[in-house]
Amino acid sequence: MHKIATLESVAEIRLGMPFKSAIQDAGEQGSCYLIQTKDIGLDGILDLGALTSVIPEGNPEKHYLFPNDILLRLRGPVFSAGIIEGNLGKPIITSNQLAVIRCNENLILPHYLHWYINSTSGSKYVRSLSEGTSISKINSKTVSKMTVKLPNLGVQEKIGFINRNWIKQKVIYNSLIQNGDVLFDGICENIINSEELENE
């Protein structure tokens, strides 16, 4: 029988950095990369390839993110979570539209929790909040009370390994699909253009 724990008992949960003004891309002048809601796919894949570079107001150091931090979208309709893999050369922060979850790895492993939040079992918690309402957002307090199945660390490691490898495969598949879309769109455009030239 697995243990059941609240998220706040096995992880630190906080909001990202608040931005008082509109977010603007500072390009090479930016001191930090910013992860926004749009950077986390509905399937839980975090795209670090096109992050906005910003100059945050005040001191952003306490908001810096680290590998294995989990970022949960707080606005629906899908409350998916991404996980940070690797470094980008500049510090990474996120806005307060996302919850930052940092695991106590003596109790719960990040890639296991990432899988769990995005799983059918994990998403039931969020769906239970919206029964009878049209809720489109949740808050960090609600997230902290989320219950999590807590198998032993060996089982968590197995599930985390599977989750990590499946994400890598999905990234490859998505890239192939995008490249295929460009290729076949070009083929179809060439057919139309050739047809038009023949009819002139």
N, C-alpha and C. Protein backbone atom coordinates (compact mmCIF):
# COMPACT_ATOMS: atom_id res chain seq x y z
N MET A 1 0.85 -1.19 0.00
CA MET A 1 0.00 0.00 0.00
C MET A 1 0.89 1.25 0.00
N HIS A 2 0.65 2.14 -0.95
CA HIS A 2 1.44 3.37 -1.03
C HIS A 2 1.00 4.36 0.05
N LYS A 3 1.97 5.15 0.50
CA LYS A 3 1.64 6.26 1.38
C LYS A 3 0.97 7.36 0.56
N ILE A 4 0.17 8.16 1.23
CA ILE A 4 -0.42 9.36 0.62
C ILE A 4 0.09 10.56 1.40
N ALA A 5 0.63 11.54 0.68
CA ALA A 5 1.17 12.73 1.34
C ALA A 5 0.65 13.98 0.65
N THR A 6 0.57 15.07 1.38
CA THR A 6 0.26 16.35 0.74
C THR A 6 1.53 16.87 0.08
N LEU A 7 1.36 17.62 -0.99
CA LEU A 7 2.51 18.14 -1.72
C LEU A 7 3.39 19.01 -0.83
N GLU A 8 2.77 19.81 0.05
CA GLU A 8 3.55 20.72 0.91
C GLU A 8 4.41 19.97 1.92
N SER A 9 4.10 18.69 2.18
CA SER A 9 4.89 17.91 3.13
C SER A 9 6.13 17.27 2.50
N VAL A 10 6.19 17.29 1.16
CA VAL A 10 7.32 16.66 0.48
C VAL A 10 8.06 17.62 -0.46
N ALA A 11 7.58 18.85 -0.56
CA ALA A 11 8.20 19.80 -1.49
C ALA A 11 7.97 21.23 -1.02
N GLU A 12 8.84 22.11 -1.47
CA GLU A 12 8.67 23.55 -1.25
C GLU A 12 7.88 24.12 -2.42
N ILE A 13 6.86 24.91 -2.14
CA ILE A 13 6.01 25.45 -3.20
C ILE A 13 5.95 26.97 -3.05
N ARG A 14 6.21 27.67 -4.14
CA ARG A 14 6.13 29.13 -4.12
C ARG A 14 5.72 29.61 -5.50
N LEU A 15 5.38 30.87 -5.57
CA LEU A 15 5.06 31.48 -6.85
C LEU A 15 6.33 32.04 -7.48
N GLY A 16 6.29 32.20 -8.80
CA GLY A 16 7.39 32.85 -9.49
C GLY A 16 7.43 34.34 -9.18
N MET A 17 8.30 35.05 -9.86
CA MET A 17 8.54 36.47 -9.60
C MET A 17 7.41 37.32 -10.16
N PRO A 18 6.88 38.26 -9.39
CA PRO A 18 5.84 39.15 -9.92
C PRO A 18 6.45 40.20 -10.85
N PHE A 19 5.71 40.51 -11.91
CA PHE A 19 6.12 41.56 -12.84
C PHE A 19 5.06 42.66 -12.81
N LYS A 20 5.47 43.87 -12.44
CA LYS A 20 4.52 44.98 -12.32
C LYS A 20 4.19 45.60 -13.67
N SER A 21 5.09 45.48 -14.62
CA SER A 21 4.85 46.06 -15.94
C SER A 21 4.88 44.95 -16.99
N ALA A 22 4.51 45.32 -18.21
CA ALA A 22 4.46 44.34 -19.30
C ALA A 22 5.84 43.73 -19.53
N ILE A 23 5.85 42.45 -19.81
CA ILE A 23 7.11 41.74 -20.05
C ILE A 23 7.63 42.10 -21.43
N GLN A 24 8.89 42.53 -21.48
CA GLN A 24 9.50 42.89 -22.75
C GLN A 24 10.79 42.11 -22.94
N ASP A 25 11.02 41.66 -24.17
CA ASP A 25 12.23 40.91 -24.49
C ASP A 25 13.40 41.89 -24.60
N ALA A 26 14.42 41.70 -23.77
CA ALA A 26 15.58 42.59 -23.76
C ALA A 26 16.72 42.07 -24.63
N GLY A 27 16.50 40.96 -25.29
CA GLY A 27 17.52 40.40 -26.17
C GLY A 27 18.80 40.07 -25.42
N GLU A 28 19.94 40.38 -26.04
CA GLU A 28 21.23 40.06 -25.43
C GLU A 28 21.50 40.86 -24.16
N GLN A 29 20.78 41.98 -23.98
CA GLN A 29 20.95 42.81 -22.78
C GLN A 29 20.30 42.18 -21.55
N GLY A 30 19.42 41.22 -21.77
CA GLY A 30 18.71 40.61 -20.65
C GLY A 30 19.64 39.86 -19.71
N SER A 31 19.32 39.93 -18.43
CA SER A 31 20.15 39.26 -17.42
C SER A 31 19.62 37.89 -17.03
N CYS A 32 18.35 37.62 -17.38
CA CYS A 32 17.71 36.34 -17.03
C CYS A 32 16.84 35.86 -18.19
N TYR A 33 16.66 34.56 -18.25
CA TYR A 33 15.64 33.99 -19.12
C TYR A 33 14.36 33.82 -18.32
N LEU A 34 13.23 34.08 -18.97
CA LEU A 34 11.93 34.01 -18.31
C LEU A 34 11.09 32.88 -18.90
N ILE A 35 10.65 31.97 -18.04
CA ILE A 35 9.70 30.93 -18.45
C ILE A 35 8.30 31.43 -18.19
N GLN A 36 7.46 31.41 -19.24
CA GLN A 36 6.07 31.83 -19.13
C GLN A 36 5.14 30.64 -19.35
N THR A 37 3.87 30.84 -19.08
CA THR A 37 2.89 29.77 -19.23
C THR A 37 2.95 29.14 -20.61
N LYS A 38 3.12 29.98 -21.64
CA LYS A 38 3.12 29.49 -23.02
C LYS A 38 4.29 28.57 -23.32
N ASP A 39 5.32 28.57 -22.47
CA ASP A 39 6.50 27.74 -22.70
C ASP A 39 6.31 26.31 -22.22
N ILE A 40 5.18 26.04 -21.53
CA ILE A 40 4.89 24.69 -21.05
C ILE A 40 3.73 24.14 -21.88
N GLY A 41 3.99 23.09 -22.61
CA GLY A 41 2.97 22.49 -23.46
C GLY A 41 1.89 21.81 -22.64
N LEU A 42 0.77 21.54 -23.29
CA LEU A 42 -0.33 20.85 -22.61
C LEU A 42 0.07 19.43 -22.23
N ASP A 43 1.12 18.91 -22.87
CA ASP A 43 1.60 17.56 -22.58
C ASP A 43 2.71 17.54 -21.52
N GLY A 44 3.00 18.71 -20.93
CA GLY A 44 4.00 18.77 -19.87
C GLY A 44 5.42 18.95 -20.35
N ILE A 45 5.61 19.23 -21.65
CA ILE A 45 6.95 19.45 -22.17
C ILE A 45 7.29 20.94 -22.05
N LEU A 46 8.41 21.22 -21.40
CA LEU A 46 8.89 22.58 -21.22
C LEU A 46 9.86 22.92 -22.34
N ASP A 47 9.52 23.93 -23.15
CA ASP A 47 10.35 24.33 -24.28
C ASP A 47 11.28 25.46 -23.87
N LEU A 48 12.56 25.14 -23.73
CA LEU A 48 13.55 26.14 -23.33
C LEU A 48 14.23 26.78 -24.54
N GLY A 49 13.77 26.45 -25.74
CA GLY A 49 14.44 26.90 -26.95
C GLY A 49 14.19 28.34 -27.34
N ALA A 50 13.10 28.93 -26.89
CA ALA A 50 12.76 30.29 -27.34
C ALA A 50 12.27 31.15 -26.16
N LEU A 51 13.00 31.09 -25.05
CA LEU A 51 12.59 31.86 -23.87
C LEU A 51 12.87 33.34 -24.07
N THR A 52 12.03 34.16 -23.45
CA THR A 52 12.23 35.60 -23.45
C THR A 52 13.37 35.96 -22.51
N SER A 53 14.26 36.86 -22.95
CA SER A 53 15.35 37.35 -22.12
C SER A 53 14.93 38.69 -21.52
N VAL A 54 15.00 38.82 -20.20
CA VAL A 54 14.44 40.00 -19.53
C VAL A 54 15.44 40.63 -18.57
N ILE A 55 15.14 41.87 -18.19
CA ILE A 55 15.87 42.56 -17.13
C ILE A 55 14.87 42.78 -15.99
N PRO A 56 14.84 41.89 -15.00
CA PRO A 56 13.82 41.99 -13.95
C PRO A 56 14.01 43.22 -13.07
N GLU A 57 12.91 43.72 -12.53
CA GLU A 57 12.98 44.80 -11.56
C GLU A 57 13.43 44.23 -10.21
N GLY A 58 14.23 44.99 -9.48
CA GLY A 58 14.66 44.53 -8.16
C GLY A 58 15.69 43.42 -8.25
N ASN A 59 15.77 42.62 -7.17
CA ASN A 59 16.76 41.55 -7.08
C ASN A 59 16.09 40.20 -7.34
N PRO A 60 16.41 39.58 -8.49
CA PRO A 60 15.72 38.34 -8.84
C PRO A 60 16.36 37.08 -8.25
N GLU A 61 17.48 37.23 -7.52
CA GLU A 61 18.26 36.05 -7.14
C GLU A 61 17.45 35.01 -6.37
N LYS A 62 16.58 35.46 -5.48
CA LYS A 62 15.81 34.49 -4.69
C LYS A 62 14.78 33.75 -5.55
N HIS A 63 14.58 34.23 -6.77
CA HIS A 63 13.62 33.59 -7.68
C HIS A 63 14.30 32.69 -8.71
N TYR A 64 15.64 32.58 -8.66
CA TYR A 64 16.35 31.75 -9.64
C TYR A 64 15.84 30.30 -9.57
N LEU A 65 15.74 29.70 -10.73
CA LEU A 65 15.31 28.31 -10.84
C LEU A 65 16.51 27.41 -11.08
N PHE A 66 16.35 26.15 -10.72
CA PHE A 66 17.46 25.19 -10.83
C PHE A 66 16.98 23.91 -11.50
N PRO A 67 17.92 23.11 -12.05
CA PRO A 67 17.52 21.83 -12.63
C PRO A 67 16.70 21.01 -11.65
N ASN A 68 15.68 20.36 -12.17
CA ASN A 68 14.72 19.52 -11.43
C ASN A 68 13.62 20.32 -10.75
N ASP A 69 13.63 21.65 -10.83
CA ASP A 69 12.47 22.43 -10.38
C ASP A 69 11.30 22.13 -11.32
N ILE A 70 10.12 21.99 -10.73
CA ILE A 70 8.90 21.73 -11.51
C ILE A 70 8.08 23.00 -11.55
N LEU A 71 7.57 23.33 -12.72
CA LEU A 71 6.76 24.53 -12.90
C LEU A 71 5.35 24.12 -13.30
N LEU A 72 4.37 24.56 -12.51
CA LEU A 72 2.98 24.18 -12.74
C LEU A 72 2.18 25.38 -13.22
N ARG A 73 1.51 25.20 -14.36
CA ARG A 73 0.63 26.25 -14.89
C ARG A 73 -0.54 26.44 -13.92
N LEU A 74 -0.82 27.70 -13.55
CA LEU A 74 -1.91 27.99 -12.61
C LEU A 74 -3.17 28.46 -13.31
N ARG A 75 -3.12 28.51 -14.64
CA ARG A 75 -4.31 28.88 -15.42
C ARG A 75 -4.69 27.75 -16.34
N GLY A 76 -5.99 27.45 -16.39
CA GLY A 76 -6.49 26.35 -17.19
C GLY A 76 -6.68 26.70 -18.64
N PRO A 77 -7.35 25.86 -19.41
CA PRO A 77 -8.11 24.70 -18.91
C PRO A 77 -7.27 23.50 -18.56
N VAL A 78 -5.99 23.45 -18.96
CA VAL A 78 -5.12 22.33 -18.61
C VAL A 78 -4.02 22.83 -17.68
N PHE A 79 -3.91 22.20 -16.51
CA PHE A 79 -2.93 22.63 -15.52
C PHE A 79 -1.71 21.71 -15.60
N SER A 80 -1.00 21.77 -16.71
CA SER A 80 0.15 20.89 -16.91
C SER A 80 1.39 21.46 -16.23
N ALA A 81 2.37 20.59 -16.01
CA ALA A 81 3.61 20.98 -15.35
C ALA A 81 4.80 20.60 -16.22
N GLY A 82 5.83 21.45 -16.22
CA GLY A 82 7.08 21.15 -16.90
C GLY A 82 8.19 20.99 -15.87
N ILE A 83 9.31 20.43 -16.30
CA ILE A 83 10.45 20.25 -15.40
C ILE A 83 11.70 20.79 -16.08
N ILE A 84 12.54 21.48 -15.31
CA ILE A 84 13.74 22.10 -15.87
C ILE A 84 14.85 21.06 -15.98
N GLU A 85 15.42 20.98 -17.18
CA GLU A 85 16.55 20.07 -17.44
C GLU A 85 17.73 20.92 -17.90
N GLY A 86 18.84 20.89 -17.18
CA GLY A 86 20.05 21.57 -17.63
C GLY A 86 20.06 23.06 -17.36
N ASN A 87 21.13 23.71 -17.83
CA ASN A 87 21.33 25.14 -17.66
C ASN A 87 21.40 25.83 -19.02
N LEU A 88 21.16 27.14 -19.03
CA LEU A 88 21.13 27.88 -20.29
C LEU A 88 22.20 28.97 -20.39
N GLY A 89 23.07 29.06 -19.42
CA GLY A 89 24.11 30.09 -19.47
C GLY A 89 23.75 31.37 -18.76
N LYS A 90 22.45 31.64 -18.61
CA LYS A 90 21.96 32.77 -17.81
C LYS A 90 21.02 32.19 -16.76
N PRO A 91 20.83 32.91 -15.64
CA PRO A 91 19.83 32.47 -14.67
C PRO A 91 18.44 32.39 -15.30
N ILE A 92 17.61 31.49 -14.78
CA ILE A 92 16.24 31.33 -15.26
C ILE A 92 15.28 31.70 -14.14
N ILE A 93 14.25 32.46 -14.47
CA ILE A 93 13.19 32.79 -13.53
C ILE A 93 11.85 32.49 -14.19
N THR A 94 10.78 32.59 -13.42
CA THR A 94 9.45 32.46 -14.00
C THR A 94 8.54 33.52 -13.38
N SER A 95 7.38 33.71 -13.98
CA SER A 95 6.44 34.71 -13.47
C SER A 95 5.53 34.08 -12.43
N ASN A 96 4.73 34.92 -11.77
CA ASN A 96 3.82 34.39 -10.74
C ASN A 96 2.56 33.76 -11.33
N GLN A 97 2.55 33.55 -12.65
CA GLN A 97 1.49 32.77 -13.28
C GLN A 97 1.78 31.27 -13.17
N LEU A 98 2.96 30.96 -12.63
CA LEU A 98 3.38 29.57 -12.47
C LEU A 98 3.79 29.32 -11.02
N ALA A 99 3.51 28.11 -10.55
CA ALA A 99 3.98 27.70 -9.23
C ALA A 99 5.29 26.95 -9.41
N VAL A 100 6.26 27.24 -8.53
CA VAL A 100 7.55 26.56 -8.54
C VAL A 100 7.53 25.50 -7.45
N ILE A 101 7.82 24.27 -7.83
CA ILE A 101 7.80 23.16 -6.88
C ILE A 101 9.20 22.56 -6.82
N ARG A 102 9.81 22.60 -5.64
CA ARG A 102 11.16 22.06 -5.44
C ARG A 102 11.08 20.89 -4.46
N CYS A 103 11.41 19.72 -4.95
CA CYS A 103 11.21 18.49 -4.17
C CYS A 103 12.23 18.33 -3.04
N ASN A 104 11.77 17.75 -1.94
CA ASN A 104 12.67 17.20 -0.93
C ASN A 104 13.01 15.80 -1.44
N GLU A 105 14.20 15.67 -2.04
CA GLU A 105 14.52 14.43 -2.76
C GLU A 105 14.78 13.25 -1.84
N ASN A 106 14.75 13.46 -0.55
CA ASN A 106 14.78 12.33 0.39
C ASN A 106 13.41 11.67 0.49
N LEU A 107 12.38 12.40 0.01
CA LEU A 107 11.01 11.91 0.12
C LEU A 107 10.36 11.66 -1.23
N ILE A 108 10.63 12.54 -2.19
CA ILE A 108 10.00 12.41 -3.50
C ILE A 108 10.96 12.88 -4.59
N LEU A 109 11.03 12.13 -5.68
CA LEU A 109 11.96 12.44 -6.77
C LEU A 109 11.29 13.33 -7.81
N PRO A 110 12.00 14.33 -8.32
CA PRO A 110 11.40 15.32 -9.22
C PRO A 110 10.74 14.72 -10.47
N HIS A 111 11.40 13.77 -11.13
CA HIS A 111 10.81 13.23 -12.36
C HIS A 111 9.59 12.35 -12.08
N TYR A 112 9.57 11.76 -10.89
CA TYR A 112 8.35 11.03 -10.49
C TYR A 112 7.20 12.02 -10.27
N LEU A 113 7.47 13.09 -9.52
CA LEU A 113 6.42 14.07 -9.25
C LEU A 113 5.95 14.74 -10.54
N HIS A 114 6.88 15.02 -11.44
CA HIS A 114 6.51 15.60 -12.74
C HIS A 114 5.52 14.68 -13.46
N TRP A 115 5.83 13.39 -13.47
CA TRP A 115 4.90 12.44 -14.09
C TRP A 115 3.56 12.45 -13.35
N TYR A 116 3.62 12.41 -12.02
CA TYR A 116 2.39 12.28 -11.24
C TYR A 116 1.44 13.45 -11.46
N ILE A 117 1.96 14.67 -11.46
CA ILE A 117 1.11 15.85 -11.64
C ILE A 117 0.40 15.82 -12.99
N ASN A 118 1.13 15.35 -14.02
CA ASN A 118 0.55 15.32 -15.37
C ASN A 118 -0.27 14.06 -15.65
N SER A 119 -0.24 13.10 -14.72
CA SER A 119 -0.91 11.81 -14.95
C SER A 119 -2.41 11.92 -14.74
N THR A 120 -3.11 10.86 -15.11
CA THR A 120 -4.56 10.80 -14.89
C THR A 120 -4.88 10.95 -13.40
N SER A 121 -4.12 10.25 -12.56
CA SER A 121 -4.36 10.31 -11.11
C SER A 121 -4.15 11.72 -10.57
N GLY A 122 -3.06 12.35 -10.99
CA GLY A 122 -2.76 13.69 -10.50
C GLY A 122 -3.76 14.73 -10.97
N SER A 123 -4.18 14.62 -12.23
CA SER A 123 -5.09 15.62 -12.77
C SER A 123 -6.50 15.51 -12.18
N LYS A 124 -6.80 14.37 -11.57
CA LYS A 124 -8.11 14.22 -10.91
C LYS A 124 -8.29 15.25 -9.81
N TYR A 125 -7.18 15.57 -9.14
CA TYR A 125 -7.26 16.55 -8.05
C TYR A 125 -7.74 17.90 -8.57
N VAL A 126 -7.14 18.35 -9.66
CA VAL A 126 -7.51 19.65 -10.22
C VAL A 126 -8.93 19.60 -10.76
N ARG A 127 -9.28 18.50 -11.41
CA ARG A 127 -10.65 18.38 -11.94
C ARG A 127 -11.67 18.43 -10.82
N SER A 128 -11.31 17.88 -9.65
CA SER A 128 -12.26 17.87 -8.53
C SER A 128 -12.55 19.30 -8.06
N LEU A 129 -11.61 20.22 -8.28
CA LEU A 129 -11.82 21.61 -7.88
C LEU A 129 -12.84 22.31 -8.76
N SER A 130 -12.93 21.84 -10.00
CA SER A 130 -13.77 22.56 -10.96
C SER A 130 -15.16 21.96 -11.11
N GLU A 131 -15.48 20.94 -10.32
CA GLU A 131 -16.81 20.35 -10.41
C GLU A 131 -17.88 21.37 -10.06
N GLY A 132 -18.79 21.59 -10.99
CA GLY A 132 -19.89 22.52 -10.76
C GLY A 132 -19.51 23.97 -10.94
N THR A 133 -18.26 24.25 -11.36
CA THR A 133 -17.83 25.64 -11.56
C THR A 133 -17.14 25.75 -12.91
N SER A 134 -16.81 26.97 -13.27
CA SER A 134 -16.06 27.19 -14.52
C SER A 134 -14.66 27.70 -14.17
N ILE A 135 -14.05 27.09 -13.16
CA ILE A 135 -12.74 27.56 -12.68
C ILE A 135 -11.71 27.52 -13.80
N SER A 136 -10.92 28.58 -13.93
CA SER A 136 -9.90 28.62 -14.96
C SER A 136 -8.52 28.86 -14.37
N LYS A 137 -8.45 28.95 -13.04
CA LYS A 137 -7.14 29.11 -12.41
C LYS A 137 -7.18 28.53 -11.00
N ILE A 138 -5.99 28.18 -10.51
CA ILE A 138 -5.84 27.71 -9.14
C ILE A 138 -4.74 28.53 -8.48
N ASN A 139 -4.59 28.42 -7.16
CA ASN A 139 -3.56 29.19 -6.47
C ASN A 139 -2.58 28.25 -5.78
N SER A 140 -1.49 28.81 -5.31
CA SER A 140 -0.43 27.98 -4.72
C SER A 140 -0.89 27.28 -3.45
N LYS A 141 -1.82 27.88 -2.71
CA LYS A 141 -2.32 27.24 -1.50
C LYS A 141 -3.08 25.97 -1.85
N THR A 142 -3.87 26.05 -2.91
CA THR A 142 -4.60 24.88 -3.38
C THR A 142 -3.63 23.79 -3.82
N VAL A 143 -2.60 24.20 -4.55
CA VAL A 143 -1.58 23.25 -5.02
C VAL A 143 -0.90 22.56 -3.85
N SER A 144 -0.61 23.31 -2.79
CA SER A 144 0.13 22.76 -1.65
C SER A 144 -0.65 21.65 -0.94
N LYS A 145 -1.99 21.67 -1.07
CA LYS A 145 -2.83 20.67 -0.41
C LYS A 145 -3.07 19.44 -1.29
N MET A 146 -2.53 19.46 -2.49
CA MET A 146 -2.70 18.33 -3.41
C MET A 146 -2.13 17.07 -2.78
N THR A 147 -2.86 15.97 -2.88
CA THR A 147 -2.37 14.70 -2.34
C THR A 147 -1.61 13.94 -3.42
N VAL A 148 -0.55 13.28 -3.00
CA VAL A 148 0.35 12.57 -3.92
C VAL A 148 0.56 11.14 -3.42
N LYS A 149 0.48 10.18 -4.33
CA LYS A 149 0.84 8.80 -3.99
C LYS A 149 2.35 8.74 -3.83
N LEU A 150 2.80 8.10 -2.77
CA LEU A 150 4.22 8.13 -2.42
C LEU A 150 4.78 6.71 -2.28
N PRO A 151 5.11 6.07 -3.41
CA PRO A 151 5.78 4.77 -3.31
C PRO A 151 7.22 4.95 -2.84
N ASN A 152 7.94 3.85 -2.61
CA ASN A 152 9.33 3.98 -2.17
C ASN A 152 10.18 4.60 -3.28
N LEU A 153 11.37 5.07 -2.91
CA LEU A 153 12.22 5.80 -3.85
C LEU A 153 12.64 4.95 -5.04
N GLY A 154 12.77 3.63 -4.84
CA GLY A 154 13.12 2.75 -5.95
C GLY A 154 12.05 2.74 -7.03
N VAL A 155 10.79 2.66 -6.61
CA VAL A 155 9.67 2.70 -7.55
C VAL A 155 9.59 4.07 -8.22
N GLN A 156 9.77 5.12 -7.43
CA GLN A 156 9.76 6.48 -7.99
C GLN A 156 10.84 6.63 -9.06
N GLU A 157 12.01 6.07 -8.80
CA GLU A 157 13.12 6.19 -9.76
C GLU A 157 12.78 5.50 -11.08
N LYS A 158 12.15 4.34 -11.01
CA LYS A 158 11.75 3.61 -12.22
C LYS A 158 10.76 4.43 -13.04
N ILE A 159 9.75 4.97 -12.36
CA ILE A 159 8.73 5.76 -13.05
C ILE A 159 9.33 7.04 -13.62
N GLY A 160 10.20 7.69 -12.85
CA GLY A 160 10.87 8.90 -13.32
C GLY A 160 11.72 8.64 -14.54
N PHE A 161 12.41 7.49 -14.58
CA PHE A 161 13.25 7.12 -15.72
C PHE A 161 12.39 6.95 -16.97
N ILE A 162 11.26 6.27 -16.83
CA ILE A 162 10.35 6.07 -17.96
C ILE A 162 9.81 7.42 -18.44
N ASN A 163 9.42 8.27 -17.49
CA ASN A 163 8.86 9.59 -17.82
C ASN A 163 9.87 10.43 -18.57
N ARG A 164 11.13 10.45 -18.09
CA ARG A 164 12.17 11.26 -18.71
C ARG A 164 12.43 10.81 -20.15
N ASN A 165 12.51 9.49 -20.36
CA ASN A 165 12.77 8.97 -21.70
C ASN A 165 11.60 9.22 -22.65
N TRP A 166 10.38 9.12 -22.14
CA TRP A 166 9.21 9.36 -22.99
C TRP A 166 9.15 10.82 -23.41
N ILE A 167 9.51 11.74 -22.52
CA ILE A 167 9.54 13.16 -22.87
C ILE A 167 10.55 13.39 -23.99
N LYS A 168 11.75 12.77 -23.87
CA LYS A 168 12.76 12.92 -24.92
C LYS A 168 12.23 12.44 -26.27
N GLN A 169 11.51 11.31 -26.25
CA GLN A 169 10.95 10.78 -27.49
C GLN A 169 9.88 11.72 -28.05
N LYS A 170 9.05 12.27 -27.17
CA LYS A 170 8.00 13.17 -27.65
C LYS A 170 8.59 14.42 -28.28
N VAL A 171 9.69 14.92 -27.71
CA VAL A 171 10.35 16.10 -28.28
C VAL A 171 10.83 15.78 -29.70
N ILE A 172 11.41 14.59 -29.87
CA ILE A 172 11.89 14.18 -31.21
C ILE A 172 10.71 14.05 -32.17
N TYR A 173 9.64 13.39 -31.72
CA TYR A 173 8.46 13.22 -32.58
C TYR A 173 7.87 14.56 -32.99
N ASN A 174 7.77 15.47 -32.01
CA ASN A 174 7.20 16.79 -32.31
C ASN A 174 8.05 17.53 -33.34
N SER A 175 9.39 17.40 -33.21
CA SER A 175 10.29 18.04 -34.17
C SER A 175 10.11 17.45 -35.55
N LEU A 176 9.96 16.13 -35.62
CA LEU A 176 9.74 15.46 -36.92
C LEU A 176 8.44 15.93 -37.56
N ILE A 177 7.39 16.06 -36.75
CA ILE A 177 6.09 16.51 -37.26
C ILE A 177 6.18 17.93 -37.79
N GLN A 178 6.85 18.82 -37.03
CA GLN A 178 6.99 20.21 -37.46
C GLN A 178 7.78 20.31 -38.76
N ASN A 179 8.89 19.54 -38.85
CA ASN A 179 9.68 19.54 -40.07
C ASN A 179 8.89 18.96 -41.24
N GLY A 180 8.09 17.92 -40.95
CA GLY A 180 7.26 17.33 -41.98
C GLY A 180 6.20 18.29 -42.48
N ASP A 181 5.62 19.06 -41.55
CA ASP A 181 4.62 20.06 -41.95
C ASP A 181 5.22 21.07 -42.92
N VAL A 182 6.43 21.54 -42.62
CA VAL A 182 7.11 22.50 -43.49
C VAL A 182 7.39 21.88 -44.84
N LEU A 183 7.89 20.64 -44.84
CA LEU A 183 8.24 19.95 -46.08
C LEU A 183 7.03 19.75 -46.98
N PHE A 184 5.96 19.21 -46.41
CA PHE A 184 4.79 18.89 -47.23
C PHE A 184 4.01 20.14 -47.63
N ASP A 185 4.07 21.17 -46.79
CA ASP A 185 3.48 22.45 -47.18
C ASP A 185 4.21 23.00 -48.40
N GLY A 186 5.55 22.89 -48.38
CA GLY A 186 6.34 23.35 -49.52
C GLY A 186 6.03 22.56 -50.78
N ILE A 187 5.86 21.24 -50.64
CA ILE A 187 5.52 20.40 -51.80
C ILE A 187 4.19 20.84 -52.40
N CYS A 188 3.20 21.04 -51.54
CA CYS A 188 1.87 21.44 -52.02
C CYS A 188 1.90 22.83 -52.66
N GLU A 189 2.67 23.75 -52.07
CA GLU A 189 2.80 25.09 -52.66
C GLU A 189 3.43 25.00 -54.06
N ASN A 190 4.44 24.14 -54.20
CA ASN A 190 5.09 23.97 -55.50
C ASN A 190 4.12 23.42 -56.54
N ILE A 191 3.25 22.50 -56.12
CA ILE A 191 2.26 21.93 -57.04
C ILE A 191 1.30 23.01 -57.51
N ILE A 192 0.83 23.85 -56.57
CA ILE A 192 -0.09 24.94 -56.94
C ILE A 192 0.60 25.90 -57.89
N ASN A 193 1.83 26.29 -57.56
CA ASN A 193 2.56 27.24 -58.40
C ASN A 193 2.82 26.68 -59.79
N SER A 194 3.13 25.39 -59.87
CA SER A 194 3.37 24.75 -61.17
C SER A 194 2.10 24.72 -62.00
N GLU A 195 0.98 24.45 -61.34
CA GLU A 195 -0.32 24.40 -62.01
C GLU A 195 -0.67 25.77 -62.56
N GLU A 196 -0.39 26.82 -61.78
CA GLU A 196 -0.70 28.18 -62.23
C GLU A 196 0.14 28.56 -63.44
N LEU A 197 1.43 28.14 -63.43
CA LEU A 197 2.31 28.45 -64.56
C LEU A 197 1.85 27.73 -65.82
N GLU A 198 1.37 26.50 -65.66
CA GLU A 198 0.90 25.74 -66.82
C GLU A 198 -0.35 26.34 -67.44
N ASN A 199 -1.16 26.99 -66.59
CA ASN A 199 -2.43 27.56 -67.08
C ASN A 199 -2.28 28.96 -67.63
N GLU A 200 -1.10 29.55 -67.48
CA GLU A 200 -0.91 30.92 -67.99
C GLU A 200 -0.78 30.94 -69.52
